[in-house]
Amino acid sequence: MLNIWQNYVILYLGDSFMTIYDRIKDLRISQKMSQTDLAIKMGYKDGSMITKIESGKVDISQKKIIAFAKALDTTPAYLMG
């Protein structure tokens, strides 16, 4: 039940409470891109680093934020919220 409530709050508030990691995942999914596809665009060998980034286990540098923005056809400002 709590999970349903959390999803409702996220939908109701839009992306106001989304982290950079959430935005990266959301954009990747909305563009029907796999983690492996994004990894290749970012220069990683496989999707495991994207999994770590999207889960917030790895911090990303400003340089990588710019690269993610380019790979996901958005702006660094949008990713950073």
N, C-alpha and C. Protein backbone atom coordinates (compact mmCIF):
# COMPACT_ATOMS: atom_id res chain seq x y z
N MET A 1 0.82 -1.20 0.00
CA MET A 1 0.00 0.00 0.00
C MET A 1 0.86 1.26 0.00
N LEU A 2 1.92 1.26 0.77
CA LEU A 2 2.80 2.42 0.83
C LEU A 2 3.42 2.70 -0.54
N ASN A 3 3.81 1.65 -1.24
CA ASN A 3 4.41 1.83 -2.57
C ASN A 3 3.45 2.54 -3.51
N ILE A 4 2.17 2.18 -3.47
CA ILE A 4 1.17 2.84 -4.32
C ILE A 4 1.09 4.32 -3.96
N TRP A 5 1.10 4.64 -2.67
CA TRP A 5 1.05 6.03 -2.21
C TRP A 5 2.27 6.80 -2.71
N GLN A 6 3.46 6.20 -2.62
CA GLN A 6 4.68 6.86 -3.08
C GLN A 6 4.58 7.17 -4.57
N ASN A 7 4.07 6.23 -5.35
CA ASN A 7 3.92 6.46 -6.78
C ASN A 7 2.94 7.59 -7.05
N TYR A 8 1.87 7.66 -6.28
CA TYR A 8 0.89 8.73 -6.44
C TYR A 8 1.53 10.08 -6.16
N VAL A 9 2.32 10.17 -5.11
CA VAL A 9 2.97 11.43 -4.75
C VAL A 9 3.92 11.86 -5.86
N ILE A 10 4.67 10.94 -6.39
CA ILE A 10 5.59 11.28 -7.47
C ILE A 10 4.83 11.77 -8.69
N LEU A 11 3.73 11.10 -9.04
CA LEU A 11 2.94 11.54 -10.18
C LEU A 11 2.29 12.90 -9.92
N TYR A 12 1.80 13.10 -8.73
CA TYR A 12 1.12 14.34 -8.40
C TYR A 12 2.08 15.53 -8.41
N LEU A 13 3.27 15.34 -7.89
CA LEU A 13 4.22 16.43 -7.80
C LEU A 13 5.07 16.59 -9.05
N GLY A 14 4.90 15.73 -9.99
CA GLY A 14 5.70 15.80 -11.21
C GLY A 14 7.14 15.45 -10.91
N ASP A 15 8.08 16.17 -11.53
CA ASP A 15 9.49 15.85 -11.33
C ASP A 15 10.14 16.73 -10.27
N SER A 16 9.36 17.40 -9.44
CA SER A 16 9.90 18.31 -8.43
C SER A 16 10.84 17.62 -7.46
N PHE A 17 10.57 16.38 -7.12
CA PHE A 17 11.39 15.68 -6.15
C PHE A 17 12.29 14.63 -6.79
N MET A 18 12.45 14.69 -8.07
CA MET A 18 13.30 13.73 -8.75
C MET A 18 14.76 14.14 -8.59
N THR A 19 15.60 13.15 -8.41
CA THR A 19 17.04 13.40 -8.35
C THR A 19 17.60 13.37 -9.77
N ILE A 20 18.84 13.72 -9.90
CA ILE A 20 19.50 13.64 -11.21
C ILE A 20 19.47 12.19 -11.71
N TYR A 21 19.61 11.25 -10.77
CA TYR A 21 19.61 9.83 -11.14
C TYR A 21 18.23 9.42 -11.64
N ASP A 22 17.18 9.92 -11.00
CA ASP A 22 15.81 9.64 -11.44
C ASP A 22 15.56 10.22 -12.83
N ARG A 23 16.04 11.43 -13.05
CA ARG A 23 15.83 12.07 -14.36
C ARG A 23 16.55 11.32 -15.48
N ILE A 24 17.76 10.86 -15.20
CA ILE A 24 18.50 10.08 -16.20
C ILE A 24 17.70 8.82 -16.55
N LYS A 25 17.24 8.11 -15.53
CA LYS A 25 16.48 6.87 -15.77
C LYS A 25 15.18 7.17 -16.50
N ASP A 26 14.47 8.20 -16.07
CA ASP A 26 13.19 8.56 -16.69
C ASP A 26 13.37 8.91 -18.17
N LEU A 27 14.37 9.70 -18.49
CA LEU A 27 14.61 10.06 -19.88
C LEU A 27 15.02 8.84 -20.71
N ARG A 28 15.87 8.00 -20.13
CA ARG A 28 16.30 6.79 -20.85
C ARG A 28 15.10 5.92 -21.19
N ILE A 29 14.24 5.71 -20.22
CA ILE A 29 13.06 4.85 -20.43
C ILE A 29 12.10 5.51 -21.42
N SER A 30 11.88 6.81 -21.29
CA SER A 30 10.94 7.49 -22.19
C SER A 30 11.43 7.46 -23.63
N GLN A 31 12.74 7.33 -23.82
CA GLN A 31 13.30 7.24 -25.17
C GLN A 31 13.48 5.80 -25.62
N LYS A 32 12.91 4.87 -24.83
CA LYS A 32 12.97 3.44 -25.14
C LYS A 32 14.41 2.95 -25.36
N MET A 33 15.29 3.45 -24.50
CA MET A 33 16.70 3.12 -24.57
C MET A 33 17.04 2.17 -23.43
N SER A 34 17.77 1.12 -23.74
CA SER A 34 18.19 0.19 -22.69
C SER A 34 19.38 0.79 -21.94
N GLN A 35 19.68 0.21 -20.80
CA GLN A 35 20.87 0.65 -20.06
C GLN A 35 22.12 0.40 -20.89
N THR A 36 22.13 -0.68 -21.62
CA THR A 36 23.28 -0.98 -22.49
C THR A 36 23.41 0.06 -23.59
N ASP A 37 22.29 0.46 -24.19
CA ASP A 37 22.33 1.49 -25.23
C ASP A 37 22.91 2.79 -24.70
N LEU A 38 22.45 3.20 -23.52
CA LEU A 38 22.95 4.44 -22.93
C LEU A 38 24.42 4.29 -22.56
N ALA A 39 24.78 3.13 -22.04
CA ALA A 39 26.18 2.89 -21.68
C ALA A 39 27.09 3.06 -22.89
N ILE A 40 26.68 2.53 -24.02
CA ILE A 40 27.48 2.64 -25.24
C ILE A 40 27.61 4.10 -25.66
N LYS A 41 26.51 4.85 -25.60
CA LYS A 41 26.56 6.28 -25.94
C LYS A 41 27.49 7.05 -25.00
N MET A 42 27.57 6.58 -23.75
CA MET A 42 28.39 7.25 -22.74
C MET A 42 29.84 6.76 -22.73
N GLY A 43 30.13 5.72 -23.51
CA GLY A 43 31.49 5.21 -23.56
C GLY A 43 31.81 4.15 -22.52
N TYR A 44 30.79 3.59 -21.86
CA TYR A 44 30.99 2.51 -20.91
C TYR A 44 30.91 1.18 -21.66
N LYS A 45 31.53 0.15 -21.09
CA LYS A 45 31.55 -1.16 -21.73
C LYS A 45 30.19 -1.86 -21.73
N ASP A 46 29.44 -1.69 -20.63
CA ASP A 46 28.14 -2.36 -20.52
C ASP A 46 27.22 -1.53 -19.64
N GLY A 47 26.04 -2.06 -19.40
CA GLY A 47 25.03 -1.32 -18.65
C GLY A 47 25.20 -1.30 -17.15
N SER A 48 26.19 -2.01 -16.61
CA SER A 48 26.33 -2.08 -15.15
C SER A 48 26.60 -0.72 -14.52
N MET A 49 27.37 0.13 -15.18
CA MET A 49 27.63 1.46 -14.62
C MET A 49 26.37 2.31 -14.65
N ILE A 50 25.55 2.16 -15.68
CA ILE A 50 24.28 2.90 -15.75
C ILE A 50 23.37 2.45 -14.61
N THR A 51 23.35 1.17 -14.32
CA THR A 51 22.57 0.65 -13.20
C THR A 51 23.01 1.31 -11.91
N LYS A 52 24.30 1.41 -11.68
CA LYS A 52 24.83 2.02 -10.46
C LYS A 52 24.49 3.51 -10.40
N ILE A 53 24.61 4.20 -11.53
CA ILE A 53 24.31 5.63 -11.57
C ILE A 53 22.83 5.87 -11.31
N GLU A 54 21.98 5.13 -12.00
CA GLU A 54 20.53 5.33 -11.84
C GLU A 54 20.06 5.01 -10.42
N SER A 55 20.76 4.15 -9.73
CA SER A 55 20.37 3.82 -8.35
C SER A 55 21.01 4.76 -7.34
N GLY A 56 21.83 5.71 -7.82
CA GLY A 56 22.45 6.70 -6.94
C GLY A 56 23.65 6.18 -6.18
N LYS A 57 24.19 5.07 -6.60
CA LYS A 57 25.34 4.48 -5.92
C LYS A 57 26.66 5.10 -6.36
N VAL A 58 26.64 5.82 -7.47
CA VAL A 58 27.85 6.43 -8.01
C VAL A 58 27.57 7.90 -8.28
N ASP A 59 28.42 8.76 -7.78
CA ASP A 59 28.30 10.18 -8.11
C ASP A 59 28.82 10.40 -9.52
N ILE A 60 28.29 11.41 -10.18
CA ILE A 60 28.76 11.71 -11.52
C ILE A 60 29.33 13.12 -11.57
N SER A 61 30.39 13.25 -12.31
CA SER A 61 31.08 14.53 -12.42
C SER A 61 30.31 15.49 -13.32
N GLN A 62 30.70 16.74 -13.28
CA GLN A 62 30.07 17.75 -14.13
C GLN A 62 30.26 17.39 -15.60
N LYS A 63 31.42 16.89 -15.92
CA LYS A 63 31.71 16.47 -17.31
C LYS A 63 30.76 15.36 -17.75
N LYS A 64 30.50 14.41 -16.85
CA LYS A 64 29.58 13.31 -17.18
C LYS A 64 28.14 13.79 -17.25
N ILE A 65 27.77 14.77 -16.43
CA ILE A 65 26.41 15.33 -16.51
C ILE A 65 26.19 15.92 -17.89
N ILE A 66 27.18 16.62 -18.39
CA ILE A 66 27.09 17.20 -19.74
C ILE A 66 26.97 16.09 -20.78
N ALA A 67 27.74 15.04 -20.62
CA ALA A 67 27.69 13.91 -21.56
C ALA A 67 26.33 13.19 -21.49
N PHE A 68 25.79 13.02 -20.29
CA PHE A 68 24.47 12.41 -20.15
C PHE A 68 23.42 13.28 -20.83
N ALA A 69 23.51 14.58 -20.63
CA ALA A 69 22.54 15.50 -21.25
C ALA A 69 22.57 15.35 -22.77
N LYS A 70 23.75 15.30 -23.32
CA LYS A 70 23.89 15.15 -24.77
C LYS A 70 23.34 13.80 -25.24
N ALA A 71 23.67 12.74 -24.53
CA ALA A 71 23.22 11.39 -24.91
C ALA A 71 21.70 11.25 -24.81
N LEU A 72 21.10 12.01 -23.88
CA LEU A 72 19.66 11.91 -23.65
C LEU A 72 18.88 13.06 -24.28
N ASP A 73 19.56 13.86 -25.08
CA ASP A 73 18.95 14.97 -25.81
C ASP A 73 18.19 15.92 -24.88
N THR A 74 18.90 16.37 -23.84
CA THR A 74 18.34 17.33 -22.90
C THR A 74 19.44 18.30 -22.49
N THR A 75 19.20 19.06 -21.45
CA THR A 75 20.20 20.01 -20.98
C THR A 75 20.75 19.57 -19.62
N PRO A 76 21.97 19.98 -19.30
CA PRO A 76 22.49 19.70 -17.96
C PRO A 76 21.60 20.32 -16.88
N ALA A 77 21.05 21.49 -17.15
CA ALA A 77 20.19 22.16 -16.18
C ALA A 77 18.97 21.30 -15.85
N TYR A 78 18.37 20.68 -16.86
CA TYR A 78 17.22 19.82 -16.59
C TYR A 78 17.64 18.64 -15.71
N LEU A 79 18.75 18.02 -16.04
CA LEU A 79 19.20 16.86 -15.26
C LEU A 79 19.46 17.22 -13.80
N MET A 80 19.99 18.41 -13.59
CA MET A 80 20.33 18.83 -12.22
C MET A 80 19.13 19.37 -11.46
N GLY A 81 18.03 19.59 -12.16
CA GLY A 81 16.80 20.01 -11.50
C GLY A 81 16.71 21.46 -11.33
